[in-house]
């Protein structure tokens, strides 16, 4: 069912943040509140001229811009270049789906989520930066894609549930990958510590 993916993933994140994240973490309350706001705004929409905007997508875009603006100039420029690459990739993927749908071998959301996740992992090292370029890049892509379709008299809702499905899935894949990366570091450090202990005991 369309949209169910988005709601399942967001509620999973909210439960994880609320009940499993360290209560002393200063980001915990803000993150939980943001997730709830995104869920609440998911069905709120308005029209500007001939373009229909959904509030959740715009909220995510605004939030990503605010966080990005706090970066130093060098990091900010690189982040915007990465975000632009994601934007072009997002629009290109959607256009391929329209003009040449044969190559979409399985569900579009999963293909796009996997491709965007791989792109973010290649472009950025930290989870935070990966999420920022995905959120800003895909929403910019939504706006550019809607603008392109409007030239052919097609209306496209910007930031609707279909978009939220893709972005939520991409975020889930990135969080999962980050967890695997950290697990690898943890086990490496753990075994290194055990090896040191054995060397000392011998």
N, C-alpha and C. Protein backbone atom coordinates (compact mmCIF):
# COMPACT_ATOMS: atom_id res chain seq x y z
N UNK A 1 0.85 -1.20 0.00
CA UNK A 1 0.00 0.00 0.00
C UNK A 1 0.89 1.25 0.00
N UNK A 2 0.58 2.22 -0.87
CA UNK A 2 1.39 3.43 -0.98
C UNK A 2 1.38 4.20 0.34
N UNK A 3 2.57 4.59 0.78
CA UNK A 3 2.67 5.36 2.02
C UNK A 3 2.93 4.53 3.24
N UNK A 4 2.56 3.23 3.19
CA UNK A 4 2.74 2.39 4.37
C UNK A 4 4.21 2.24 4.74
N UNK A 5 5.08 2.21 3.71
CA UNK A 5 6.52 2.10 3.93
C UNK A 5 7.03 3.28 4.75
N UNK A 6 6.61 4.46 4.35
CA UNK A 6 7.00 5.69 5.06
C UNK A 6 6.57 5.66 6.52
N UNK A 7 5.30 5.33 6.77
CA UNK A 7 4.79 5.34 8.15
C UNK A 7 5.45 4.28 9.01
N UNK A 8 5.64 3.09 8.48
CA UNK A 8 6.30 2.01 9.23
C UNK A 8 7.72 2.41 9.63
N UNK A 9 8.46 2.95 8.68
CA UNK A 9 9.86 3.31 8.94
C UNK A 9 9.96 4.47 9.94
N UNK A 10 9.11 5.48 9.75
CA UNK A 10 9.13 6.63 10.66
C UNK A 10 8.75 6.25 12.08
N UNK A 11 7.72 5.39 12.22
CA UNK A 11 7.34 4.94 13.57
C UNK A 11 8.44 4.09 14.18
N UNK A 12 9.13 3.31 13.38
CA UNK A 12 10.27 2.51 13.85
C UNK A 12 11.37 3.43 14.38
N UNK A 13 11.66 4.50 13.64
CA UNK A 13 12.66 5.47 14.08
C UNK A 13 12.23 6.15 15.37
N UNK A 14 10.94 6.54 15.44
CA UNK A 14 10.45 7.25 16.62
C UNK A 14 10.53 6.37 17.87
N UNK A 15 10.14 5.12 17.76
CA UNK A 15 10.21 4.18 18.88
C UNK A 15 11.67 3.97 19.30
N UNK A 16 12.55 3.82 18.33
CA UNK A 16 13.97 3.61 18.62
C UNK A 16 14.57 4.80 19.34
N UNK A 17 14.25 6.01 18.85
CA UNK A 17 14.79 7.23 19.46
C UNK A 17 14.21 7.44 20.86
N UNK A 18 12.90 7.23 21.00
CA UNK A 18 12.22 7.52 22.26
C UNK A 18 12.58 6.52 23.37
N UNK A 19 12.64 5.24 23.04
CA UNK A 19 12.80 4.21 24.07
C UNK A 19 14.20 3.60 24.16
N UNK A 20 15.00 3.72 23.09
CA UNK A 20 16.30 3.05 23.10
C UNK A 20 17.50 3.99 23.08
N UNK A 21 17.31 5.22 22.63
CA UNK A 21 18.42 6.17 22.63
C UNK A 21 18.71 6.64 24.05
N UNK A 22 19.97 6.91 24.34
CA UNK A 22 20.38 7.39 25.66
C UNK A 22 19.62 8.65 26.04
N UNK A 23 18.98 8.64 27.18
CA UNK A 23 18.16 9.78 27.62
C UNK A 23 18.98 11.03 27.89
N UNK A 24 20.27 10.86 28.11
CA UNK A 24 21.15 12.01 28.35
C UNK A 24 21.58 12.69 27.05
N UNK A 25 21.30 12.02 25.93
CA UNK A 25 21.69 12.58 24.63
C UNK A 25 20.85 13.83 24.33
N UNK A 26 21.50 15.00 24.12
CA UNK A 26 20.75 16.25 23.90
C UNK A 26 19.94 16.27 22.60
N UNK A 27 20.31 15.40 21.65
CA UNK A 27 19.63 15.36 20.35
C UNK A 27 18.33 14.55 20.41
N UNK A 28 18.21 13.70 21.41
CA UNK A 28 17.10 12.72 21.49
C UNK A 28 15.72 13.38 21.39
N UNK A 29 15.45 14.37 22.22
CA UNK A 29 14.12 15.01 22.25
C UNK A 29 13.83 15.73 20.94
N UNK A 30 14.85 16.42 20.40
CA UNK A 30 14.67 17.16 19.14
C UNK A 30 14.38 16.19 17.98
N UNK A 31 15.11 15.09 17.97
CA UNK A 31 14.94 14.10 16.90
C UNK A 31 13.55 13.47 16.95
N UNK A 32 13.12 13.09 18.15
CA UNK A 32 11.78 12.49 18.32
C UNK A 32 10.69 13.47 17.90
N UNK A 33 10.87 14.76 18.26
CA UNK A 33 9.88 15.79 17.91
C UNK A 33 9.83 15.99 16.39
N UNK A 34 11.00 16.00 15.74
CA UNK A 34 11.07 16.18 14.29
C UNK A 34 10.37 15.04 13.56
N UNK A 35 10.58 13.83 14.03
CA UNK A 35 9.94 12.66 13.40
C UNK A 35 8.42 12.78 13.49
N UNK A 36 7.92 13.18 14.65
CA UNK A 36 6.47 13.35 14.83
C UNK A 36 5.92 14.45 13.92
N UNK A 37 6.66 15.55 13.81
CA UNK A 37 6.24 16.66 12.94
C UNK A 37 6.16 16.19 11.48
N UNK A 38 7.15 15.42 11.05
CA UNK A 38 7.17 14.90 9.66
C UNK A 38 5.95 14.01 9.41
N UNK A 39 5.62 13.14 10.38
CA UNK A 39 4.45 12.27 10.25
C UNK A 39 3.16 13.08 10.18
N UNK A 40 3.04 14.07 11.07
CA UNK A 40 1.83 14.89 11.14
C UNK A 40 1.62 15.70 9.85
N UNK A 41 2.74 16.21 9.30
CA UNK A 41 2.65 17.07 8.11
C UNK A 41 2.55 16.29 6.80
N UNK A 42 2.64 14.97 6.87
CA UNK A 42 2.71 14.16 5.64
C UNK A 42 1.49 14.30 4.74
N UNK A 43 0.34 14.62 5.31
CA UNK A 43 -0.88 14.77 4.49
C UNK A 43 -1.30 16.23 4.31
N UNK A 44 -0.50 17.15 4.86
CA UNK A 44 -0.80 18.58 4.72
C UNK A 44 -0.19 19.09 3.42
N UNK A 45 -1.01 19.72 2.60
CA UNK A 45 -0.49 20.23 1.33
C UNK A 45 -1.16 21.55 0.96
N UNK A 46 -0.52 22.29 0.08
CA UNK A 46 -1.05 23.57 -0.39
C UNK A 46 -0.57 23.79 -1.82
N UNK A 47 -1.20 24.72 -2.50
CA UNK A 47 -0.89 24.97 -3.91
C UNK A 47 -0.36 26.39 -4.09
N UNK A 48 0.75 26.49 -4.79
CA UNK A 48 1.33 27.78 -5.18
C UNK A 48 1.34 27.82 -6.69
N UNK A 49 0.52 28.71 -7.26
CA UNK A 49 0.28 28.75 -8.71
C UNK A 49 -0.21 27.37 -9.16
N UNK A 50 0.53 26.66 -9.99
CA UNK A 50 0.07 25.34 -10.45
C UNK A 50 0.81 24.20 -9.77
N UNK A 51 1.66 24.52 -8.80
CA UNK A 51 2.45 23.50 -8.12
C UNK A 51 1.85 23.15 -6.76
N UNK A 52 1.72 21.85 -6.52
CA UNK A 52 1.19 21.36 -5.24
C UNK A 52 2.36 20.89 -4.36
N UNK A 53 2.46 21.48 -3.17
CA UNK A 53 3.53 21.15 -2.24
C UNK A 53 2.97 20.43 -1.02
N UNK A 54 3.68 19.37 -0.59
CA UNK A 54 3.35 18.70 0.66
C UNK A 54 4.29 19.21 1.75
N UNK A 55 3.73 19.47 2.92
CA UNK A 55 4.46 20.17 3.99
C UNK A 55 5.64 19.38 4.54
N UNK A 56 5.53 18.05 4.61
CA UNK A 56 6.62 17.24 5.17
C UNK A 56 7.91 17.41 4.38
N UNK A 57 7.80 17.37 3.06
CA UNK A 57 8.98 17.52 2.21
C UNK A 57 9.63 18.88 2.38
N UNK A 58 8.82 19.94 2.44
CA UNK A 58 9.36 21.29 2.62
C UNK A 58 9.99 21.46 4.00
N UNK A 59 9.38 20.83 5.00
CA UNK A 59 9.94 20.86 6.36
C UNK A 59 11.32 20.21 6.38
N UNK A 60 11.44 19.05 5.73
CA UNK A 60 12.72 18.34 5.65
C UNK A 60 13.77 19.18 4.92
N UNK A 61 13.35 19.82 3.82
CA UNK A 61 14.27 20.65 3.03
C UNK A 61 14.76 21.84 3.86
N UNK A 62 13.84 22.51 4.54
CA UNK A 62 14.19 23.67 5.37
C UNK A 62 15.13 23.25 6.50
N UNK A 63 14.83 22.12 7.13
CA UNK A 63 15.64 21.61 8.23
C UNK A 63 17.06 21.29 7.75
N UNK A 64 17.16 20.66 6.59
CA UNK A 64 18.49 20.32 6.05
C UNK A 64 19.28 21.58 5.72
N UNK A 65 18.62 22.62 5.19
CA UNK A 65 19.29 23.88 4.87
C UNK A 65 19.81 24.57 6.15
N UNK A 66 19.00 24.52 7.19
CA UNK A 66 19.40 25.16 8.47
C UNK A 66 20.64 24.47 9.03
N UNK A 67 20.64 23.12 9.01
CA UNK A 67 21.79 22.37 9.53
C UNK A 67 23.02 22.58 8.65
N UNK A 68 22.83 22.58 7.33
CA UNK A 68 23.94 22.79 6.40
C UNK A 68 24.55 24.18 6.55
N UNK A 69 23.72 25.18 6.84
CA UNK A 69 24.21 26.56 6.95
C UNK A 69 25.17 26.76 8.12
N UNK A 70 25.18 25.83 9.06
CA UNK A 70 26.07 25.93 10.22
C UNK A 70 27.47 25.37 9.94
N UNK A 71 27.66 24.81 8.75
CA UNK A 71 28.97 24.26 8.38
C UNK A 71 29.93 25.38 7.98
N UNK A 72 31.23 25.06 8.05
CA UNK A 72 32.25 25.99 7.56
C UNK A 72 32.18 26.07 6.04
N UNK A 73 32.74 27.14 5.48
CA UNK A 73 32.56 27.43 4.06
C UNK A 73 33.00 26.28 3.16
N UNK A 74 34.17 25.70 3.42
CA UNK A 74 34.68 24.61 2.59
C UNK A 74 33.77 23.40 2.62
N UNK A 75 33.37 23.01 3.84
CA UNK A 75 32.48 21.86 4.01
C UNK A 75 31.10 22.14 3.42
N UNK A 76 30.66 23.39 3.54
CA UNK A 76 29.36 23.79 3.00
C UNK A 76 29.33 23.69 1.49
N UNK A 77 30.39 24.17 0.84
CA UNK A 77 30.46 24.11 -0.63
C UNK A 77 30.47 22.66 -1.12
N UNK A 78 31.24 21.82 -0.43
CA UNK A 78 31.30 20.41 -0.83
C UNK A 78 29.94 19.73 -0.62
N UNK A 79 29.28 20.07 0.50
CA UNK A 79 27.96 19.49 0.80
C UNK A 79 26.94 19.89 -0.27
N UNK A 80 26.99 21.14 -0.73
CA UNK A 80 26.05 21.59 -1.75
C UNK A 80 26.34 20.96 -3.12
N UNK A 81 27.63 20.71 -3.40
CA UNK A 81 27.98 20.01 -4.64
C UNK A 81 27.43 18.58 -4.60
N UNK A 82 27.61 17.91 -3.45
CA UNK A 82 27.07 16.55 -3.27
C UNK A 82 25.55 16.54 -3.37
N UNK A 83 24.93 17.55 -2.77
CA UNK A 83 23.47 17.67 -2.81
C UNK A 83 22.99 17.86 -4.25
N UNK A 84 23.73 18.65 -5.03
CA UNK A 84 23.39 18.88 -6.43
C UNK A 84 23.52 17.58 -7.25
N UNK A 85 24.55 16.79 -6.95
CA UNK A 85 24.74 15.50 -7.63
C UNK A 85 23.55 14.58 -7.34
N UNK A 86 23.10 14.56 -6.09
CA UNK A 86 21.93 13.76 -5.71
C UNK A 86 20.68 14.26 -6.43
N UNK A 87 20.54 15.58 -6.54
CA UNK A 87 19.40 16.19 -7.24
C UNK A 87 19.33 15.72 -8.69
N UNK A 88 20.46 15.82 -9.40
CA UNK A 88 20.51 15.42 -10.81
C UNK A 88 20.23 13.92 -10.95
N UNK A 89 20.79 13.13 -10.04
CA UNK A 89 20.59 11.67 -10.07
C UNK A 89 19.12 11.33 -9.85
N UNK A 90 18.49 12.03 -8.92
CA UNK A 90 17.08 11.79 -8.59
C UNK A 90 16.17 12.11 -9.79
N UNK A 91 16.41 13.26 -10.40
CA UNK A 91 15.61 13.66 -11.57
C UNK A 91 15.84 12.70 -12.74
N UNK A 92 17.10 12.33 -12.97
CA UNK A 92 17.44 11.42 -14.07
C UNK A 92 16.76 10.07 -13.89
N UNK A 93 16.78 9.56 -12.66
CA UNK A 93 16.14 8.27 -12.38
C UNK A 93 14.64 8.33 -12.69
N UNK A 94 13.99 9.39 -12.23
CA UNK A 94 12.54 9.53 -12.46
C UNK A 94 12.22 9.67 -13.95
N UNK A 95 13.07 10.36 -14.69
CA UNK A 95 12.85 10.51 -16.12
C UNK A 95 13.04 9.19 -16.86
N UNK A 96 14.02 8.40 -16.41
CA UNK A 96 14.23 7.08 -17.00
C UNK A 96 13.00 6.19 -16.78
N UNK A 97 12.39 6.30 -15.60
CA UNK A 97 11.19 5.51 -15.29
C UNK A 97 10.06 5.85 -16.26
N UNK A 98 9.97 7.14 -16.66
CA UNK A 98 8.91 7.57 -17.58
C UNK A 98 9.22 7.14 -19.02
N UNK A 99 10.44 7.44 -19.48
CA UNK A 99 10.78 7.25 -20.89
C UNK A 99 11.26 5.84 -21.25
N UNK A 100 11.82 5.14 -20.26
CA UNK A 100 12.33 3.79 -20.54
C UNK A 100 12.10 2.89 -19.31
N UNK A 101 10.84 2.56 -19.02
CA UNK A 101 10.51 1.80 -17.80
C UNK A 101 10.96 0.35 -17.82
N UNK A 102 11.43 -0.15 -18.96
CA UNK A 102 11.81 -1.56 -19.10
C UNK A 102 12.94 -1.94 -18.14
N UNK A 103 13.88 -0.97 -17.92
CA UNK A 103 15.05 -1.28 -17.10
C UNK A 103 14.75 -1.30 -15.60
N UNK A 104 13.54 -0.90 -15.20
CA UNK A 104 13.15 -0.97 -13.79
C UNK A 104 12.76 -2.42 -13.49
N UNK A 105 13.74 -3.20 -13.05
CA UNK A 105 13.57 -4.65 -12.95
C UNK A 105 12.81 -5.08 -11.69
N UNK A 106 12.83 -4.24 -10.66
CA UNK A 106 11.99 -4.52 -9.49
C UNK A 106 11.43 -3.21 -8.96
N UNK A 107 10.79 -3.22 -7.81
CA UNK A 107 10.03 -2.06 -7.34
C UNK A 107 10.85 -0.77 -7.37
N UNK A 108 10.26 0.26 -7.94
CA UNK A 108 10.96 1.54 -8.15
C UNK A 108 11.53 2.11 -6.86
N UNK A 109 10.74 2.08 -5.77
CA UNK A 109 11.18 2.66 -4.50
C UNK A 109 12.47 2.01 -4.00
N UNK A 110 12.53 0.68 -4.11
CA UNK A 110 13.71 -0.05 -3.64
C UNK A 110 14.92 0.22 -4.52
N UNK A 111 14.72 0.27 -5.83
CA UNK A 111 15.82 0.58 -6.74
C UNK A 111 16.38 1.97 -6.47
N UNK A 112 15.48 2.94 -6.34
CA UNK A 112 15.91 4.31 -6.11
C UNK A 112 16.58 4.45 -4.74
N UNK A 113 15.99 3.81 -3.73
CA UNK A 113 16.56 3.86 -2.38
C UNK A 113 17.96 3.28 -2.34
N UNK A 114 18.15 2.15 -3.02
CA UNK A 114 19.46 1.50 -3.06
C UNK A 114 20.49 2.37 -3.80
N UNK A 115 20.10 2.91 -4.95
CA UNK A 115 21.01 3.75 -5.75
C UNK A 115 21.41 5.03 -4.99
N UNK A 116 20.42 5.68 -4.38
CA UNK A 116 20.70 6.91 -3.64
C UNK A 116 21.57 6.64 -2.41
N UNK A 117 21.33 5.51 -1.76
CA UNK A 117 22.14 5.14 -0.58
C UNK A 117 23.60 4.95 -0.98
N UNK A 118 23.82 4.22 -2.06
CA UNK A 118 25.19 3.98 -2.56
C UNK A 118 25.87 5.29 -2.92
N UNK A 119 25.13 6.19 -3.55
CA UNK A 119 25.67 7.50 -3.93
C UNK A 119 26.08 8.31 -2.70
N UNK A 120 25.22 8.33 -1.69
CA UNK A 120 25.51 9.07 -0.45
C UNK A 120 26.72 8.50 0.28
N UNK A 121 26.84 7.17 0.30
CA UNK A 121 27.97 6.50 0.96
C UNK A 121 29.28 6.83 0.26
N UNK A 122 29.24 6.93 -1.07
CA UNK A 122 30.44 7.27 -1.85
C UNK A 122 30.84 8.73 -1.62
N UNK A 123 29.83 9.62 -1.56
CA UNK A 123 30.11 11.06 -1.50
C UNK A 123 30.48 11.57 -0.10
N UNK A 124 29.90 10.98 0.94
CA UNK A 124 30.12 11.47 2.30
C UNK A 124 30.53 10.35 3.25
N UNK A 125 31.25 10.71 4.31
CA UNK A 125 31.76 9.70 5.25
C UNK A 125 30.85 9.50 6.47
N UNK A 126 30.28 10.58 6.99
CA UNK A 126 29.47 10.46 8.21
C UNK A 126 28.00 10.28 7.88
N UNK A 127 27.28 9.63 8.79
CA UNK A 127 25.84 9.41 8.60
C UNK A 127 25.09 10.73 8.50
N UNK A 128 25.43 11.68 9.36
CA UNK A 128 24.75 12.98 9.36
C UNK A 128 24.86 13.67 8.01
N UNK A 129 26.08 13.70 7.44
CA UNK A 129 26.28 14.36 6.15
C UNK A 129 25.59 13.60 5.02
N UNK A 130 25.57 12.27 5.12
CA UNK A 130 24.86 11.47 4.11
C UNK A 130 23.38 11.77 4.12
N UNK A 131 22.80 11.86 5.31
CA UNK A 131 21.37 12.16 5.43
C UNK A 131 21.06 13.56 4.92
N UNK A 132 21.94 14.51 5.21
CA UNK A 132 21.72 15.89 4.78
C UNK A 132 21.69 16.02 3.26
N UNK A 133 22.64 15.38 2.58
CA UNK A 133 22.67 15.51 1.11
C UNK A 133 21.53 14.73 0.47
N UNK A 134 21.08 13.65 1.12
CA UNK A 134 19.94 12.89 0.58
C UNK A 134 18.66 13.70 0.71
N UNK A 135 18.42 14.25 1.89
CA UNK A 135 17.18 15.01 2.13
C UNK A 135 17.13 16.25 1.25
N UNK A 136 18.20 17.05 1.27
CA UNK A 136 18.21 18.28 0.47
C UNK A 136 18.21 17.97 -1.03
N UNK A 137 19.03 17.00 -1.43
CA UNK A 137 19.15 16.65 -2.85
C UNK A 137 17.88 16.10 -3.45
N UNK A 138 17.22 15.19 -2.73
CA UNK A 138 16.00 14.59 -3.28
C UNK A 138 14.84 15.59 -3.32
N UNK A 139 14.75 16.47 -2.32
CA UNK A 139 13.67 17.46 -2.35
C UNK A 139 13.90 18.50 -3.44
N UNK A 140 15.15 18.88 -3.63
CA UNK A 140 15.47 19.77 -4.76
C UNK A 140 15.13 19.07 -6.07
N UNK A 141 15.39 17.76 -6.12
CA UNK A 141 15.05 16.95 -7.29
C UNK A 141 13.55 16.91 -7.53
N UNK A 142 12.78 16.81 -6.46
CA UNK A 142 11.32 16.82 -6.57
C UNK A 142 10.83 18.11 -7.23
N UNK A 143 11.39 19.24 -6.77
CA UNK A 143 10.97 20.54 -7.30
C UNK A 143 11.37 20.68 -8.77
N UNK A 144 12.61 20.28 -9.09
CA UNK A 144 13.10 20.35 -10.47
C UNK A 144 12.30 19.43 -11.39
N UNK A 145 11.98 18.24 -10.90
CA UNK A 145 11.20 17.25 -11.67
C UNK A 145 9.78 17.77 -11.94
N UNK A 146 9.17 18.37 -10.93
CA UNK A 146 7.82 18.94 -11.09
C UNK A 146 7.83 20.09 -12.08
N UNK A 147 8.89 20.90 -12.01
CA UNK A 147 9.02 22.03 -12.94
C UNK A 147 9.17 21.54 -14.38
N UNK A 148 9.96 20.48 -14.56
CA UNK A 148 10.17 19.90 -15.90
C UNK A 148 8.85 19.35 -16.46
N UNK A 149 8.10 18.61 -15.63
CA UNK A 149 6.84 18.02 -16.08
C UNK A 149 5.79 19.09 -16.38
N UNK A 150 5.87 20.22 -15.68
CA UNK A 150 4.88 21.30 -15.89
C UNK A 150 4.96 21.87 -17.31
N UNK A 151 6.13 21.74 -17.94
CA UNK A 151 6.28 22.22 -19.32
C UNK A 151 5.44 21.41 -20.30
N UNK A 152 5.11 20.17 -19.88
CA UNK A 152 4.28 19.30 -20.72
C UNK A 152 2.84 19.22 -20.19
N UNK A 153 2.50 20.20 -19.34
CA UNK A 153 1.15 20.29 -18.76
C UNK A 153 0.82 19.12 -17.83
N UNK A 154 1.84 18.48 -17.25
CA UNK A 154 1.62 17.43 -16.25
C UNK A 154 1.74 18.04 -14.86
N UNK A 155 0.85 17.65 -13.98
CA UNK A 155 0.95 18.11 -12.59
C UNK A 155 1.59 17.01 -11.74
N UNK A 156 2.52 17.41 -10.91
CA UNK A 156 3.23 16.45 -10.07
C UNK A 156 3.28 16.99 -8.64
N UNK A 157 2.72 16.25 -7.65
CA UNK A 157 2.73 16.72 -6.27
C UNK A 157 4.14 16.62 -5.66
N UNK A 158 4.66 17.73 -5.18
CA UNK A 158 6.02 17.80 -4.66
C UNK A 158 6.06 17.37 -3.19
N UNK A 159 6.85 16.34 -2.91
CA UNK A 159 7.00 15.87 -1.53
C UNK A 159 5.84 15.03 -1.04
N UNK A 160 5.12 14.40 -1.96
CA UNK A 160 3.96 13.56 -1.58
C UNK A 160 4.43 12.24 -0.98
N UNK A 161 3.46 11.37 -0.66
CA UNK A 161 3.75 10.10 0.01
C UNK A 161 4.72 9.23 -0.81
N UNK A 162 4.59 9.25 -2.13
CA UNK A 162 5.50 8.46 -2.97
C UNK A 162 6.95 8.88 -2.75
N UNK A 163 7.17 10.19 -2.64
CA UNK A 163 8.52 10.71 -2.35
C UNK A 163 8.95 10.31 -0.94
N UNK A 164 8.04 10.44 0.01
CA UNK A 164 8.37 10.12 1.41
C UNK A 164 8.73 8.65 1.59
N UNK A 165 8.08 7.78 0.80
CA UNK A 165 8.43 6.35 0.81
C UNK A 165 9.89 6.15 0.43
N UNK A 166 10.29 6.80 -0.67
CA UNK A 166 11.67 6.66 -1.18
C UNK A 166 12.68 7.23 -0.18
N UNK A 167 12.40 8.42 0.32
CA UNK A 167 13.34 9.07 1.24
C UNK A 167 13.45 8.30 2.56
N UNK A 168 12.32 7.79 3.07
CA UNK A 168 12.35 7.01 4.31
C UNK A 168 13.14 5.72 4.13
N UNK A 169 12.94 5.07 3.00
CA UNK A 169 13.66 3.82 2.71
C UNK A 169 15.16 4.09 2.57
N UNK A 170 15.51 5.18 1.89
CA UNK A 170 16.92 5.55 1.72
C UNK A 170 17.57 5.83 3.07
N UNK A 171 16.87 6.56 3.92
CA UNK A 171 17.38 6.87 5.27
C UNK A 171 17.57 5.59 6.08
N UNK A 172 16.61 4.67 5.98
CA UNK A 172 16.72 3.39 6.69
C UNK A 172 17.95 2.61 6.22
N UNK A 173 18.18 2.58 4.92
CA UNK A 173 19.34 1.88 4.37
C UNK A 173 20.64 2.51 4.83
N UNK A 174 20.67 3.85 4.88
CA UNK A 174 21.89 4.55 5.33
C UNK A 174 22.15 4.33 6.82
N UNK A 175 21.10 4.35 7.62
CA UNK A 175 21.24 4.09 9.06
C UNK A 175 21.72 2.66 9.29
N UNK A 176 21.16 1.72 8.54
CA UNK A 176 21.57 0.31 8.65
C UNK A 176 23.03 0.13 8.26
N UNK A 177 23.44 0.80 7.18
CA UNK A 177 24.84 0.71 6.74
C UNK A 177 25.79 1.31 7.79
N UNK A 178 25.37 2.43 8.36
CA UNK A 178 26.17 3.08 9.40
C UNK A 178 26.32 2.17 10.62
N UNK A 179 25.23 1.48 10.97
CA UNK A 179 25.28 0.53 12.09
C UNK A 179 26.26 -0.60 11.81
N UNK A 180 26.28 -1.08 10.57
CA UNK A 180 27.23 -2.14 10.18
C UNK A 180 28.67 -1.63 10.24
N UNK A 181 28.88 -0.39 9.78
CA UNK A 181 30.22 0.21 9.83
C UNK A 181 30.71 0.32 11.27
N UNK A 182 29.85 0.80 12.15
CA UNK A 182 30.21 0.96 13.56
C UNK A 182 30.40 -0.38 14.25
N UNK A 183 29.60 -1.37 13.83
CA UNK A 183 29.75 -2.72 14.40
C UNK A 183 31.11 -3.29 14.03
N UNK A 184 31.54 -3.04 12.80
CA UNK A 184 32.86 -3.51 12.36
C UNK A 184 33.97 -2.89 13.18
N UNK A 185 33.86 -1.57 13.44
CA UNK A 185 34.86 -0.87 14.26
C UNK A 185 34.85 -1.40 15.69
N UNK A 186 33.64 -1.66 16.22
CA UNK A 186 33.51 -2.16 17.58
C UNK A 186 34.19 -3.52 17.72
N UNK A 187 33.90 -4.43 16.80
CA UNK A 187 34.49 -5.78 16.87
C UNK A 187 36.00 -5.74 16.65
N UNK A 188 36.44 -4.84 15.77
CA UNK A 188 37.87 -4.71 15.52
C UNK A 188 38.59 -4.25 16.78
N UNK A 189 38.03 -3.23 17.43
CA UNK A 189 38.62 -2.73 18.67
C UNK A 189 38.56 -3.77 19.78
N UNK A 190 37.44 -4.51 19.83
CA UNK A 190 37.23 -5.52 20.86
C UNK A 190 38.26 -6.65 20.73
N UNK A 191 38.44 -7.14 19.49
CA UNK A 191 39.40 -8.23 19.28
C UNK A 191 40.84 -7.75 19.47
N UNK A 192 41.08 -6.48 19.11
CA UNK A 192 42.41 -5.91 19.31
C UNK A 192 42.73 -5.85 20.81
N UNK A 193 41.72 -5.46 21.60
CA UNK A 193 41.87 -5.39 23.05
C UNK A 193 42.11 -6.79 23.63
N UNK A 194 41.41 -7.82 23.12
CA UNK A 194 41.58 -9.19 23.60
C UNK A 194 42.97 -9.72 23.26
N UNK A 195 43.44 -9.37 22.05
CA UNK A 195 44.78 -9.81 21.62
C UNK A 195 45.86 -9.20 22.51
N UNK A 196 45.67 -7.92 22.87
CA UNK A 196 46.63 -7.25 23.76
C UNK A 196 46.65 -7.94 25.12
N UNK A 197 45.42 -8.30 25.59
CA UNK A 197 45.30 -8.98 26.88
C UNK A 197 46.02 -10.32 26.88
N UNK A 198 45.89 -11.05 25.77
CA UNK A 198 46.55 -12.36 25.66
C UNK A 198 48.07 -12.21 25.63
N UNK A 199 48.54 -11.17 24.93
CA UNK A 199 49.98 -10.95 24.83
C UNK A 199 50.58 -10.60 26.19
N UNK A 200 49.82 -9.80 26.96
CA UNK A 200 50.30 -9.44 28.30
C UNK A 200 50.32 -10.64 29.23
N UNK A 201 49.27 -11.48 29.14
CA UNK A 201 49.18 -12.65 30.02
C UNK A 201 50.26 -13.70 29.71
N UNK A 202 50.68 -13.76 28.40
CA UNK A 202 51.69 -14.71 28.01
C UNK A 202 53.09 -14.18 28.35
